[in-house]
Amino acid sequence: MAGKPPGRNDEGDTSVVTKTKPKTAKPPLYKVLLLNDDYTPMEFVVHVLERFFGIGHSHAVEIMLTVHKKGVAVVGVFSHEIAETKVAQVMDFARRNQHPLQCTMEKEE
């Protein structure tokens, strides 16, 4: 046994040891959505988009109009933690300003 070269078995075959790196799966992403209501002023929605999502004024107006016309719009796609934080920030800001604006998140497929 002591004289047997490494990598050889009793039949004389050589074996190769391979190490495979485990593939790290990318974390799932989440869409942050703004929902339309009949009470939140359009200017407030534009302000929220600019303040919390860093969206420029003209693009914020476009998104606000999409929310107004279609009832919902995706305002960003983030990791779970960031999406959760954005939703909480928007909801808190809306409540403090006495607006019923709704912001939610859903897993991106």
N, C-alpha and C. Protein backbone atom coordinates (compact mmCIF):
# COMPACT_ATOMS: atom_id res chain seq x y z
N MET A 1 0.82 -1.18 0.00
CA MET A 1 0.00 0.00 0.00
C MET A 1 0.87 1.25 0.00
N ALA A 2 1.97 1.22 0.75
CA ALA A 2 2.80 2.41 0.85
C ALA A 2 3.48 2.71 -0.47
N GLY A 3 3.71 1.69 -1.31
CA GLY A 3 4.41 1.92 -2.56
C GLY A 3 3.49 2.28 -3.71
N LYS A 4 2.19 2.32 -3.49
CA LYS A 4 1.23 2.61 -4.55
C LYS A 4 1.22 4.11 -4.85
N PRO A 5 1.39 4.47 -6.12
CA PRO A 5 1.37 5.90 -6.44
C PRO A 5 -0.02 6.50 -6.22
N PRO A 6 -0.08 7.79 -5.85
CA PRO A 6 -1.38 8.42 -5.62
C PRO A 6 -2.18 8.48 -6.90
N GLY A 7 -3.50 8.29 -6.78
CA GLY A 7 -4.38 8.38 -7.93
C GLY A 7 -4.56 7.06 -8.65
N ARG A 8 -3.91 5.97 -8.19
CA ARG A 8 -4.08 4.66 -8.84
C ARG A 8 -4.83 3.74 -7.90
N ASN A 9 -5.75 2.96 -8.48
CA ASN A 9 -6.43 1.96 -7.66
C ASN A 9 -5.77 0.61 -7.89
N ASP A 10 -6.30 -0.43 -7.35
CA ASP A 10 -5.67 -1.75 -7.42
C ASP A 10 -5.61 -2.31 -8.83
N GLU A 11 -6.47 -1.87 -9.75
CA GLU A 11 -6.47 -2.36 -11.12
C GLU A 11 -5.53 -1.56 -12.01
N GLY A 12 -4.89 -0.53 -11.49
CA GLY A 12 -3.97 0.25 -12.28
C GLY A 12 -4.61 1.45 -12.98
N ASP A 13 -5.92 1.65 -12.79
CA ASP A 13 -6.60 2.79 -13.41
C ASP A 13 -6.22 4.07 -12.67
N THR A 14 -6.15 5.12 -13.42
CA THR A 14 -5.93 6.42 -12.78
C THR A 14 -7.28 7.11 -12.67
N SER A 15 -7.46 7.85 -11.61
CA SER A 15 -8.71 8.59 -11.43
C SER A 15 -8.37 10.06 -11.26
N VAL A 16 -9.26 10.86 -11.76
CA VAL A 16 -9.06 12.30 -11.68
C VAL A 16 -10.08 12.86 -10.70
N VAL A 17 -9.57 13.62 -9.78
CA VAL A 17 -10.46 14.25 -8.82
C VAL A 17 -10.76 15.65 -9.34
N THR A 18 -12.05 15.92 -9.53
CA THR A 18 -12.43 17.25 -10.00
C THR A 18 -13.25 17.94 -8.93
N LYS A 19 -13.00 19.19 -8.80
CA LYS A 19 -13.78 19.98 -7.86
C LYS A 19 -14.66 20.91 -8.68
N THR A 20 -15.95 20.85 -8.40
CA THR A 20 -16.86 21.75 -9.10
C THR A 20 -17.25 22.88 -8.16
N LYS A 21 -17.20 24.06 -8.71
CA LYS A 21 -17.60 25.21 -7.91
C LYS A 21 -19.12 25.25 -7.89
N PRO A 22 -19.69 25.40 -6.70
CA PRO A 22 -21.15 25.51 -6.65
C PRO A 22 -21.57 26.84 -7.30
N LYS A 23 -22.60 26.78 -8.13
CA LYS A 23 -23.07 27.99 -8.77
C LYS A 23 -23.97 28.74 -7.79
N THR A 24 -23.65 30.00 -7.62
CA THR A 24 -24.45 30.83 -6.72
C THR A 24 -25.62 31.40 -7.52
N ALA A 25 -26.80 31.13 -7.04
CA ALA A 25 -27.99 31.63 -7.72
C ALA A 25 -28.15 33.11 -7.42
N LYS A 26 -28.57 33.85 -8.44
CA LYS A 26 -28.82 35.27 -8.23
C LYS A 26 -30.07 35.42 -7.38
N PRO A 27 -30.05 36.38 -6.45
CA PRO A 27 -31.24 36.56 -5.62
C PRO A 27 -32.40 37.06 -6.49
N PRO A 28 -33.61 36.69 -6.12
CA PRO A 28 -34.76 37.13 -6.92
C PRO A 28 -34.94 38.64 -6.81
N LEU A 29 -35.49 39.22 -7.86
CA LEU A 29 -35.75 40.65 -7.87
C LEU A 29 -37.24 40.90 -7.66
N TYR A 30 -37.53 42.09 -7.17
CA TYR A 30 -38.90 42.46 -6.85
C TYR A 30 -39.27 43.76 -7.52
N LYS A 31 -40.47 43.78 -8.12
CA LYS A 31 -41.00 44.99 -8.74
C LYS A 31 -41.70 45.81 -7.67
N VAL A 32 -41.44 47.10 -7.66
CA VAL A 32 -42.15 48.02 -6.77
C VAL A 32 -43.23 48.68 -7.63
N LEU A 33 -44.46 48.62 -7.14
CA LEU A 33 -45.61 49.11 -7.89
C LEU A 33 -46.31 50.25 -7.15
N LEU A 34 -46.76 51.24 -7.90
CA LEU A 34 -47.62 52.29 -7.35
C LEU A 34 -49.02 52.03 -7.87
N LEU A 35 -50.00 52.17 -6.98
CA LEU A 35 -51.39 51.93 -7.33
C LEU A 35 -52.17 53.24 -7.36
N ASN A 36 -53.09 53.33 -8.27
CA ASN A 36 -53.90 54.53 -8.40
C ASN A 36 -54.97 54.61 -7.31
N ASP A 37 -55.30 55.81 -6.93
CA ASP A 37 -56.45 56.05 -6.07
C ASP A 37 -57.08 57.36 -6.52
N ASP A 38 -58.25 57.67 -6.02
CA ASP A 38 -58.97 58.86 -6.46
C ASP A 38 -58.67 60.11 -5.63
N TYR A 39 -57.74 60.02 -4.68
CA TYR A 39 -57.54 61.12 -3.75
C TYR A 39 -56.14 61.72 -3.74
N THR A 40 -55.12 60.92 -4.00
CA THR A 40 -53.74 61.43 -3.95
C THR A 40 -53.50 62.36 -5.14
N PRO A 41 -53.04 63.58 -4.87
CA PRO A 41 -52.78 64.51 -5.98
C PRO A 41 -51.66 64.00 -6.89
N MET A 42 -51.80 64.28 -8.16
CA MET A 42 -50.80 63.85 -9.15
C MET A 42 -49.43 64.44 -8.83
N GLU A 43 -49.40 65.67 -8.37
CA GLU A 43 -48.13 66.32 -8.03
C GLU A 43 -47.42 65.58 -6.90
N PHE A 44 -48.19 65.05 -5.96
CA PHE A 44 -47.60 64.30 -4.86
C PHE A 44 -46.95 63.01 -5.37
N VAL A 45 -47.62 62.34 -6.30
CA VAL A 45 -47.07 61.11 -6.87
C VAL A 45 -45.77 61.40 -7.61
N VAL A 46 -45.75 62.49 -8.37
CA VAL A 46 -44.52 62.89 -9.07
C VAL A 46 -43.41 63.16 -8.06
N HIS A 47 -43.74 63.85 -6.98
CA HIS A 47 -42.75 64.14 -5.94
C HIS A 47 -42.19 62.85 -5.33
N VAL A 48 -43.06 61.88 -5.07
CA VAL A 48 -42.63 60.59 -4.51
C VAL A 48 -41.67 59.89 -5.47
N LEU A 49 -42.00 59.89 -6.75
CA LEU A 49 -41.14 59.23 -7.73
C LEU A 49 -39.77 59.90 -7.82
N GLU A 50 -39.75 61.21 -7.75
CA GLU A 50 -38.48 61.93 -7.79
C GLU A 50 -37.67 61.70 -6.52
N ARG A 51 -38.33 61.78 -5.39
CA ARG A 51 -37.63 61.71 -4.10
C ARG A 51 -37.13 60.32 -3.74
N PHE A 52 -37.98 59.32 -3.90
CA PHE A 52 -37.63 57.98 -3.41
C PHE A 52 -37.05 57.06 -4.49
N PHE A 53 -37.26 57.41 -5.75
CA PHE A 53 -36.77 56.53 -6.82
C PHE A 53 -35.75 57.23 -7.73
N GLY A 54 -35.47 58.49 -7.46
CA GLY A 54 -34.47 59.22 -8.23
C GLY A 54 -34.83 59.38 -9.70
N ILE A 55 -36.11 59.45 -9.97
CA ILE A 55 -36.57 59.56 -11.35
C ILE A 55 -36.67 61.04 -11.72
N GLY A 56 -36.23 61.37 -12.91
CA GLY A 56 -36.31 62.74 -13.39
C GLY A 56 -37.75 63.19 -13.55
N HIS A 57 -37.95 64.51 -13.55
CA HIS A 57 -39.31 65.07 -13.54
C HIS A 57 -40.17 64.59 -14.72
N SER A 58 -39.66 64.66 -15.94
CA SER A 58 -40.49 64.29 -17.10
C SER A 58 -40.84 62.80 -17.09
N HIS A 59 -39.89 61.97 -16.68
CA HIS A 59 -40.17 60.53 -16.59
C HIS A 59 -41.14 60.24 -15.44
N ALA A 60 -41.00 60.97 -14.35
CA ALA A 60 -41.92 60.82 -13.20
C ALA A 60 -43.34 61.17 -13.62
N VAL A 61 -43.48 62.22 -14.43
CA VAL A 61 -44.82 62.60 -14.92
C VAL A 61 -45.39 61.48 -15.80
N GLU A 62 -44.57 60.88 -16.65
CA GLU A 62 -45.02 59.77 -17.50
C GLU A 62 -45.50 58.59 -16.65
N ILE A 63 -44.72 58.23 -15.64
CA ILE A 63 -45.10 57.11 -14.77
C ILE A 63 -46.39 57.44 -14.02
N MET A 64 -46.50 58.66 -13.51
CA MET A 64 -47.70 59.09 -12.79
C MET A 64 -48.93 58.97 -13.70
N LEU A 65 -48.79 59.36 -14.95
CA LEU A 65 -49.91 59.26 -15.89
C LEU A 65 -50.27 57.81 -16.19
N THR A 66 -49.26 56.94 -16.22
CA THR A 66 -49.52 55.50 -16.40
C THR A 66 -50.31 54.96 -15.21
N VAL A 67 -49.90 55.35 -14.00
CA VAL A 67 -50.62 54.93 -12.79
C VAL A 67 -52.06 55.44 -12.87
N HIS A 68 -52.22 56.69 -13.27
CA HIS A 68 -53.54 57.31 -13.33
C HIS A 68 -54.44 56.61 -14.36
N LYS A 69 -53.89 56.30 -15.53
CA LYS A 69 -54.69 55.73 -16.61
C LYS A 69 -54.89 54.22 -16.50
N LYS A 70 -53.84 53.50 -16.10
CA LYS A 70 -53.91 52.04 -16.07
C LYS A 70 -54.17 51.46 -14.68
N GLY A 71 -54.05 52.32 -13.66
CA GLY A 71 -54.32 51.86 -12.30
C GLY A 71 -53.10 51.37 -11.54
N VAL A 72 -52.02 51.08 -12.25
CA VAL A 72 -50.81 50.59 -11.61
C VAL A 72 -49.62 50.80 -12.55
N ALA A 73 -48.44 50.96 -11.98
CA ALA A 73 -47.22 51.05 -12.79
C ALA A 73 -46.04 50.54 -11.97
N VAL A 74 -45.11 49.90 -12.67
CA VAL A 74 -43.86 49.47 -12.05
C VAL A 74 -42.95 50.70 -11.99
N VAL A 75 -42.44 51.00 -10.81
CA VAL A 75 -41.57 52.17 -10.67
C VAL A 75 -40.11 51.80 -10.46
N GLY A 76 -39.84 50.50 -10.30
CA GLY A 76 -38.46 50.05 -10.17
C GLY A 76 -38.41 48.57 -9.86
N VAL A 77 -37.23 47.98 -10.08
CA VAL A 77 -37.00 46.57 -9.79
C VAL A 77 -35.74 46.50 -8.93
N PHE A 78 -35.87 45.86 -7.77
CA PHE A 78 -34.81 45.88 -6.77
C PHE A 78 -34.68 44.52 -6.09
N SER A 79 -33.61 44.38 -5.29
CA SER A 79 -33.50 43.22 -4.42
C SER A 79 -34.61 43.31 -3.38
N HIS A 80 -34.87 42.21 -2.70
CA HIS A 80 -35.96 42.17 -1.72
C HIS A 80 -35.84 43.26 -0.67
N GLU A 81 -34.66 43.40 -0.10
CA GLU A 81 -34.46 44.37 0.99
C GLU A 81 -34.68 45.80 0.52
N ILE A 82 -34.16 46.12 -0.65
CA ILE A 82 -34.30 47.49 -1.16
C ILE A 82 -35.76 47.76 -1.53
N ALA A 83 -36.40 46.81 -2.17
CA ALA A 83 -37.81 46.98 -2.54
C ALA A 83 -38.67 47.18 -1.30
N GLU A 84 -38.41 46.38 -0.28
CA GLU A 84 -39.16 46.47 0.97
C GLU A 84 -38.97 47.85 1.61
N THR A 85 -37.74 48.34 1.59
CA THR A 85 -37.44 49.66 2.16
C THR A 85 -38.15 50.76 1.37
N LYS A 86 -38.10 50.69 0.05
CA LYS A 86 -38.76 51.70 -0.79
C LYS A 86 -40.26 51.73 -0.52
N VAL A 87 -40.90 50.56 -0.45
CA VAL A 87 -42.33 50.48 -0.17
C VAL A 87 -42.64 51.12 1.19
N ALA A 88 -41.85 50.78 2.19
CA ALA A 88 -42.07 51.34 3.54
C ALA A 88 -41.89 52.85 3.53
N GLN A 89 -40.87 53.36 2.85
CA GLN A 89 -40.63 54.80 2.79
C GLN A 89 -41.80 55.53 2.13
N VAL A 90 -42.26 55.00 1.01
CA VAL A 90 -43.35 55.64 0.28
C VAL A 90 -44.63 55.62 1.11
N MET A 91 -44.94 54.47 1.69
CA MET A 91 -46.16 54.36 2.49
C MET A 91 -46.12 55.29 3.70
N ASP A 92 -44.98 55.35 4.37
CA ASP A 92 -44.84 56.22 5.53
C ASP A 92 -44.98 57.70 5.13
N PHE A 93 -44.33 58.08 4.04
CA PHE A 93 -44.39 59.45 3.57
C PHE A 93 -45.82 59.83 3.17
N ALA A 94 -46.51 58.92 2.50
CA ALA A 94 -47.90 59.19 2.10
C ALA A 94 -48.80 59.35 3.33
N ARG A 95 -48.62 58.50 4.31
CA ARG A 95 -49.45 58.59 5.53
C ARG A 95 -49.18 59.89 6.28
N ARG A 96 -47.89 60.25 6.38
CA ARG A 96 -47.56 61.50 7.09
C ARG A 96 -48.14 62.71 6.38
N ASN A 97 -48.35 62.59 5.08
CA ASN A 97 -48.93 63.69 4.31
C ASN A 97 -50.43 63.49 4.07
N GLN A 98 -51.00 62.54 4.78
CA GLN A 98 -52.43 62.24 4.75
C GLN A 98 -52.97 61.92 3.36
N HIS A 99 -52.21 61.08 2.64
CA HIS A 99 -52.65 60.61 1.33
C HIS A 99 -52.78 59.09 1.37
N PRO A 100 -53.77 58.55 0.67
CA PRO A 100 -53.97 57.09 0.68
C PRO A 100 -53.16 56.33 -0.38
N LEU A 101 -52.12 56.94 -0.90
CA LEU A 101 -51.29 56.30 -1.93
C LEU A 101 -50.83 54.92 -1.47
N GLN A 102 -50.95 53.95 -2.36
CA GLN A 102 -50.54 52.58 -2.07
C GLN A 102 -49.32 52.21 -2.91
N CYS A 103 -48.37 51.58 -2.25
CA CYS A 103 -47.15 51.11 -2.89
C CYS A 103 -46.95 49.66 -2.45
N THR A 104 -46.73 48.77 -3.41
CA THR A 104 -46.55 47.36 -3.08
C THR A 104 -45.35 46.81 -3.84
N MET A 105 -45.04 45.56 -3.55
CA MET A 105 -43.95 44.89 -4.26
C MET A 105 -44.39 43.47 -4.58
N GLU A 106 -43.86 42.96 -5.69
CA GLU A 106 -44.12 41.57 -6.05
C GLU A 106 -42.89 40.99 -6.72
N LYS A 107 -42.74 39.69 -6.53
CA LYS A 107 -41.56 39.01 -7.08
C LYS A 107 -41.61 39.04 -8.60
N GLU A 108 -40.46 39.35 -9.19
CA GLU A 108 -40.38 39.38 -10.64
C GLU A 108 -40.26 37.96 -11.16
N GLU A 109 -40.97 37.65 -12.22
CA GLU A 109 -40.94 36.28 -12.76
C GLU A 109 -39.99 36.17 -13.90
